[in-house]
Amino acid sequence: MNSEERKEYVKYRIETAKKTYNAAKVLAANGFWNSTINRLYYSLFYTVNALLYFVRDKFVHFT
């Protein structure tokens, strides 16, 4: 995966995390707590995944 593809992947994961977080808010507002926790977990998963890809790209340039 080249640098430009990595940036697009990070952008995609952040957008997915935002959508998943918004879904969690709707679920919480309606009292679906187990599903809310599930969506929050995946929102964080997507965010951390994006962060790791972003950081990896930065470290590659310094080595």
PDB file of N, CA and C in Angstrom:
ATOM      1  N   MET A   1       0.851  -1.170   0.000  1.00  0.00           N
ATOM      2  CA  MET A   1       0.000   0.000   0.000  1.00  0.00           C
ATOM      3  C   MET A   1       0.901   1.240   0.000  1.00  0.00           C
ATOM      4  N   ASN A   2       0.726   2.084  -1.013  1.00  0.00           N
ATOM      5  CA  ASN A   2       1.555   3.285  -1.066  1.00  0.00           C
ATOM      6  C   ASN A   2       0.975   4.362  -0.148  1.00  0.00           C
ATOM      7  N   SER A   3       1.669   5.478  -0.051  1.00  0.00           N
ATOM      8  CA  SER A   3       1.297   6.544   0.867  1.00  0.00           C
ATOM      9  C   SER A   3      -0.088   7.122   0.569  1.00  0.00           C
ATOM     10  N   GLU A   4      -0.395   7.318  -0.685  1.00  0.00           N
ATOM     11  CA  GLU A   4      -1.693   7.884  -1.061  1.00  0.00           C
ATOM     12  C   GLU A   4      -2.828   6.915  -0.730  1.00  0.00           C
ATOM     13  N   GLU A   5      -2.619   5.641  -0.994  1.00  0.00           N
ATOM     14  CA  GLU A   5      -3.624   4.631  -0.654  1.00  0.00           C
ATOM     15  C   GLU A   5      -3.828   4.555   0.856  1.00  0.00           C
ATOM     16  N   ARG A   6      -2.734   4.679   1.593  1.00  0.00           N
ATOM     17  CA  ARG A   6      -2.812   4.646   3.053  1.00  0.00           C
ATOM     18  C   ARG A   6      -3.642   5.829   3.570  1.00  0.00           C
ATOM     19  N   LYS A   7      -3.449   7.014   2.981  1.00  0.00           N
ATOM     20  CA  LYS A   7      -4.228   8.189   3.380  1.00  0.00           C
ATOM     21  C   LYS A   7      -5.714   7.978   3.108  1.00  0.00           C
ATOM     22  N   GLU A   8      -6.033   7.405   1.969  1.00  0.00           N
ATOM     23  CA  GLU A   8      -7.429   7.130   1.639  1.00  0.00           C
ATOM     24  C   GLU A   8      -8.026   6.104   2.597  1.00  0.00           C
ATOM     25  N   TYR A   9      -7.233   5.110   2.966  1.00  0.00           N
ATOM     26  CA  TYR A   9      -7.698   4.092   3.909  1.00  0.00           C
ATOM     27  C   TYR A   9      -7.990   4.717   5.267  1.00  0.00           C
ATOM     28  N   VAL A  10      -7.094   5.584   5.733  1.00  0.00           N
ATOM     29  CA  VAL A  10      -7.279   6.260   7.016  1.00  0.00           C
ATOM     30  C   VAL A  10      -8.541   7.122   6.965  1.00  0.00           C
ATOM     31  N   LYS A  11      -8.712   7.847   5.879  1.00  0.00           N
ATOM     32  CA  LYS A  11      -9.903   8.685   5.709  1.00  0.00           C
ATOM     33  C   LYS A  11     -11.181   7.833   5.744  1.00  0.00           C
ATOM     34  N   TYR A  12     -11.156   6.709   5.068  1.00  0.00           N
ATOM     35  CA  TYR A  12     -12.300   5.788   5.046  1.00  0.00           C
ATOM     36  C   TYR A  12     -12.609   5.265   6.449  1.00  0.00           C
ATOM     37  N   ARG A  13     -11.572   4.874   7.189  1.00  0.00           N
ATOM     38  CA  ARG A  13     -11.781   4.326   8.532  1.00  0.00           C
ATOM     39  C   ARG A  13     -12.330   5.382   9.484  1.00  0.00           C
ATOM     40  N   ILE A  14     -11.857   6.616   9.385  1.00  0.00           N
ATOM     41  CA  ILE A  14     -12.361   7.691  10.238  1.00  0.00           C
ATOM     42  C   ILE A  14     -13.826   7.956   9.927  1.00  0.00           C
ATOM     43  N   GLU A  15     -14.174   7.982   8.657  1.00  0.00           N
ATOM     44  CA  GLU A  15     -15.566   8.191   8.277  1.00  0.00           C
ATOM     45  C   GLU A  15     -16.447   7.050   8.783  1.00  0.00           C
ATOM     46  N   THR A  16     -15.963   5.827   8.689  1.00  0.00           N
ATOM     47  CA  THR A  16     -16.700   4.676   9.195  1.00  0.00           C
ATOM     48  C   THR A  16     -16.875   4.776  10.714  1.00  0.00           C
ATOM     49  N   ALA A  17     -15.839   5.214  11.397  1.00  0.00           N
ATOM     50  CA  ALA A  17     -15.915   5.384  12.849  1.00  0.00           C
ATOM     51  C   ALA A  17     -16.969   6.419  13.217  1.00  0.00           C
ATOM     52  N   LYS A  18     -17.027   7.520  12.483  1.00  0.00           N
ATOM     53  CA  LYS A  18     -18.025   8.560  12.759  1.00  0.00           C
ATOM     54  C   LYS A  18     -19.442   8.034  12.549  1.00  0.00           C
ATOM     55  N   LYS A  19     -19.660   7.322  11.461  1.00  0.00           N
ATOM     56  CA  LYS A  19     -20.987   6.764  11.185  1.00  0.00           C
ATOM     57  C   LYS A  19     -21.384   5.758  12.256  1.00  0.00           C
ATOM     58  N   THR A  20     -20.443   4.944  12.677  1.00  0.00           N
ATOM     59  CA  THR A  20     -20.712   3.936  13.702  1.00  0.00           C
ATOM     60  C   THR A  20     -21.027   4.599  15.035  1.00  0.00           C
ATOM     61  N   TYR A  21     -20.311   5.670  15.358  1.00  0.00           N
ATOM     62  CA  TYR A  21     -20.576   6.424  16.590  1.00  0.00           C
ATOM     63  C   TYR A  21     -21.977   7.042  16.547  1.00  0.00           C
ATOM     64  N   ASN A  22     -22.340   7.605  15.414  1.00  0.00           N
ATOM     65  CA  ASN A  22     -23.684   8.184  15.273  1.00  0.00           C
ATOM     66  C   ASN A  22     -24.772   7.121  15.441  1.00  0.00           C
ATOM     67  N   ALA A  23     -24.520   5.934  14.928  1.00  0.00           N
ATOM     68  CA  ALA A  23     -25.462   4.830  15.115  1.00  0.00           C
ATOM     69  C   ALA A  23     -25.581   4.483  16.598  1.00  0.00           C
ATOM     70  N   ALA A  24     -24.464   4.521  17.309  1.00  0.00           N
ATOM     71  CA  ALA A  24     -24.477   4.228  18.749  1.00  0.00           C
ATOM     72  C   ALA A  24     -25.324   5.250  19.497  1.00  0.00           C
ATOM     73  N   LYS A  25     -25.250   6.511  19.096  1.00  0.00           N
ATOM     74  CA  LYS A  25     -26.055   7.540  19.757  1.00  0.00           C
ATOM     75  C   LYS A  25     -27.550   7.290  19.564  1.00  0.00           C
ATOM     76  N   VAL A  26     -27.933   6.883  18.360  1.00  0.00           N
ATOM     77  CA  VAL A  26     -29.344   6.581  18.085  1.00  0.00           C
ATOM     78  C   VAL A  26     -29.789   5.378  18.920  1.00  0.00           C
ATOM     79  N   LEU A  27     -28.957   4.356  18.959  1.00  0.00           N
ATOM     80  CA  LEU A  27     -29.298   3.162  19.738  1.00  0.00           C
ATOM     81  C   LEU A  27     -29.428   3.493  21.222  1.00  0.00           C
ATOM     82  N   ALA A  28     -28.518   4.319  21.741  1.00  0.00           N
ATOM     83  CA  ALA A  28     -28.570   4.697  23.156  1.00  0.00           C
ATOM     84  C   ALA A  28     -29.831   5.499  23.460  1.00  0.00           C
ATOM     85  N   ALA A  29     -30.190   6.387  22.559  1.00  0.00           N
ATOM     86  CA  ALA A  29     -31.394   7.208  22.765  1.00  0.00           C
ATOM     87  C   ALA A  29     -32.655   6.352  22.834  1.00  0.00           C
ATOM     88  N   ASN A  30     -32.599   5.174  22.240  1.00  0.00           N
ATOM     89  CA  ASN A  30     -33.750   4.272  22.233  1.00  0.00           C
ATOM     90  C   ASN A  30     -33.616   3.118  23.225  1.00  0.00           C
ATOM     91  N   GLY A  31     -32.579   3.169  24.062  1.00  0.00           N
ATOM     92  CA  GLY A  31     -32.429   2.190  25.134  1.00  0.00           C
ATOM     93  C   GLY A  31     -31.857   0.843  24.738  1.00  0.00           C
ATOM     94  N   PHE A  32     -31.245   0.742  23.571  1.00  0.00           N
ATOM     95  CA  PHE A  32     -30.630  -0.514  23.134  1.00  0.00           C
ATOM     96  C   PHE A  32     -29.168  -0.551  23.587  1.00  0.00           C
ATOM     97  N   TRP A  33     -28.979  -0.826  24.865  1.00  0.00           N
ATOM     98  CA  TRP A  33     -27.661  -0.672  25.475  1.00  0.00           C
ATOM     99  C   TRP A  33     -26.620  -1.673  24.969  1.00  0.00           C
ATOM    100  N   ASN A  34     -26.976  -2.917  24.787  1.00  0.00           N
ATOM    101  CA  ASN A  34     -26.001  -3.893  24.282  1.00  0.00           C
ATOM    102  C   ASN A  34     -25.530  -3.523  22.876  1.00  0.00           C
ATOM    103  N   SER A  35     -26.455  -3.121  22.044  1.00  0.00           N
ATOM    104  CA  SER A  35     -26.097  -2.711  20.681  1.00  0.00           C
ATOM    105  C   SER A  35     -25.291  -1.411  20.694  1.00  0.00           C
ATOM    106  N   THR A  36     -25.605  -0.529  21.643  1.00  0.00           N
ATOM    107  CA  THR A  36     -24.838   0.713  21.785  1.00  0.00           C
ATOM    108  C   THR A  36     -23.385   0.404  22.097  1.00  0.00           C
ATOM    109  N   ILE A  37     -23.176  -0.486  23.055  1.00  0.00           N
ATOM    110  CA  ILE A  37     -21.805  -0.865  23.435  1.00  0.00           C
ATOM    111  C   ILE A  37     -21.081  -1.484  22.244  1.00  0.00           C
ATOM    112  N   ASN A  38     -21.781  -2.322  21.494  1.00  0.00           N
ATOM    113  CA  ASN A  38     -21.192  -2.948  20.315  1.00  0.00           C
ATOM    114  C   ASN A  38     -20.734  -1.894  19.310  1.00  0.00           C
ATOM    115  N   ARG A  39     -21.603  -0.928  19.025  1.00  0.00           N
ATOM    116  CA  ARG A  39     -21.270   0.124  18.048  1.00  0.00           C
ATOM    117  C   ARG A  39     -20.140   1.008  18.551  1.00  0.00           C
ATOM    118  N   LEU A  40     -20.124   1.299  19.863  1.00  0.00           N
ATOM    119  CA  LEU A  40     -19.029   2.099  20.424  1.00  0.00           C
ATOM    120  C   LEU A  40     -17.701   1.352  20.324  1.00  0.00           C
ATOM    121  N   TYR A  41     -17.741   0.054  20.595  1.00  0.00           N
ATOM    122  CA  TYR A  41     -16.533  -0.765  20.461  1.00  0.00           C
ATOM    123  C   TYR A  41     -15.981  -0.660  19.044  1.00  0.00           C
ATOM    124  N   TYR A  42     -16.851  -0.845  18.053  1.00  0.00           N
ATOM    125  CA  TYR A  42     -16.378  -0.814  16.671  1.00  0.00           C
ATOM    126  C   TYR A  42     -15.961   0.583  16.236  1.00  0.00           C
ATOM    127  N   SER A  43     -16.617   1.590  16.760  1.00  0.00           N
ATOM    128  CA  SER A  43     -16.200   2.954  16.459  1.00  0.00           C
ATOM    129  C   SER A  43     -14.762   3.183  16.933  1.00  0.00           C
ATOM    130  N   LEU A  44     -14.469   2.736  18.133  1.00  0.00           N
ATOM    131  CA  LEU A  44     -13.097   2.855  18.642  1.00  0.00           C
ATOM    132  C   LEU A  44     -12.126   1.979  17.855  1.00  0.00           C
ATOM    133  N   PHE A  45     -12.562   0.788  17.501  1.00  0.00           N
ATOM    134  CA  PHE A  45     -11.720  -0.109  16.702  1.00  0.00           C
ATOM    135  C   PHE A  45     -11.310   0.567  15.390  1.00  0.00           C
ATOM    136  N   TYR A  46     -12.291   1.155  14.681  1.00  0.00           N
ATOM    137  CA  TYR A  46     -11.992   1.819  13.411  1.00  0.00           C
ATOM    138  C   TYR A  46     -11.070   3.018  13.615  1.00  0.00           C
ATOM    139  N   THR A  47     -11.275   3.749  14.700  1.00  0.00           N
ATOM    140  CA  THR A  47     -10.445   4.919  14.987  1.00  0.00           C
ATOM    141  C   THR A  47      -9.003   4.516  15.273  1.00  0.00           C
ATOM    142  N   VAL A  48      -8.821   3.520  16.111  1.00  0.00           N
ATOM    143  CA  VAL A  48      -7.465   3.054  16.443  1.00  0.00           C
ATOM    144  C   VAL A  48      -6.794   2.459  15.215  1.00  0.00           C
ATOM    145  N   ASN A  49      -7.551   1.739  14.416  1.00  0.00           N
ATOM    146  CA  ASN A  49      -7.010   1.178  13.187  1.00  0.00           C
ATOM    147  C   ASN A  49      -6.491   2.289  12.273  1.00  0.00           C
ATOM    148  N   ALA A  50      -7.272   3.349  12.129  1.00  0.00           N
ATOM    149  CA  ALA A  50      -6.853   4.488  11.309  1.00  0.00           C
ATOM    150  C   ALA A  50      -5.616   5.148  11.898  1.00  0.00           C
ATOM    151  N   LEU A  51      -5.604   5.314  13.209  1.00  0.00           N
ATOM    152  CA  LEU A  51      -4.460   5.932  13.873  1.00  0.00           C
ATOM    153  C   LEU A  51      -3.185   5.127  13.655  1.00  0.00           C
ATOM    154  N   LEU A  52      -3.279   3.820  13.774  1.00  0.00           N
ATOM    155  CA  LEU A  52      -2.102   2.979  13.576  1.00  0.00           C
ATOM    156  C   LEU A  52      -1.576   3.060  12.144  1.00  0.00           C
ATOM    157  N   TYR A  53      -2.468   3.098  11.182  1.00  0.00           N
ATOM    158  CA  TYR A  53      -2.037   3.250   9.794  1.00  0.00           C
ATOM    159  C   TYR A  53      -1.408   4.619   9.570  1.00  0.00           C
ATOM    160  N   PHE A  54      -1.977   5.653  10.181  1.00  0.00           N
ATOM    161  CA  PHE A  54      -1.440   7.002  10.059  1.00  0.00           C
ATOM    162  C   PHE A  54      -0.045   7.085  10.678  1.00  0.00           C
ATOM    163  N   VAL A  55       0.106   6.556  11.891  1.00  0.00           N
ATOM    164  CA  VAL A  55       1.395   6.589  12.590  1.00  0.00           C
ATOM    165  C   VAL A  55       2.426   5.758  11.838  1.00  0.00           C
ATOM    166  N   ARG A  56       2.019   4.632  11.329  1.00  0.00           N
ATOM    167  CA  ARG A  56       2.948   3.774  10.569  1.00  0.00           C
ATOM    168  C   ARG A  56       3.512   4.536   9.378  1.00  0.00           C
ATOM    169  N   ASP A  57       2.653   5.272   8.706  1.00  0.00           N
ATOM    170  CA  ASP A  57       3.087   6.067   7.556  1.00  0.00           C
ATOM    171  C   ASP A  57       4.113   7.108   7.988  1.00  0.00           C
ATOM    172  N   LYS A  58       3.921   7.716   9.149  1.00  0.00           N
ATOM    173  CA  LYS A  58       4.864   8.734   9.647  1.00  0.00           C
ATOM    174  C   LYS A  58       6.192   8.107  10.034  1.00  0.00           C
ATOM    175  N   PHE A  59       6.168   6.932  10.675  1.00  0.00           N
ATOM    176  CA  PHE A  59       7.404   6.289  11.080  1.00  0.00           C
ATOM    177  C   PHE A  59       8.211   5.783   9.890  1.00  0.00           C
ATOM    178  N   VAL A  60       7.532   5.354   8.847  1.00  0.00           N
ATOM    179  CA  VAL A  60       8.222   4.866   7.659  1.00  0.00           C
ATOM    180  C   VAL A  60       9.097   5.962   7.066  1.00  0.00           C
ATOM    181  N   HIS A  61       8.638   7.210   7.121  1.00  0.00           N
ATOM    182  CA  HIS A  61       9.399   8.326   6.559  1.00  0.00           C
ATOM    183  C   HIS A  61      10.633   8.687   7.397  1.00  0.00           C
ATOM    184  N   PHE A  62      10.635   8.298   8.681  1.00  0.00           N
ATOM    185  CA  PHE A  62      11.746   8.636   9.548  1.00  0.00           C
ATOM    186  C   PHE A  62      12.815   7.553   9.637  1.00  0.00           C
ATOM    187  N   THR A  63      12.555   6.393   9.085  1.00  0.00           N
ATOM    188  CA  THR A  63      13.523   5.312   9.187  1.00  0.00           C
ATOM    189  C   THR A  63      14.416   5.257   7.972  1.00  0.00           C
TER     190      THR A  63
END
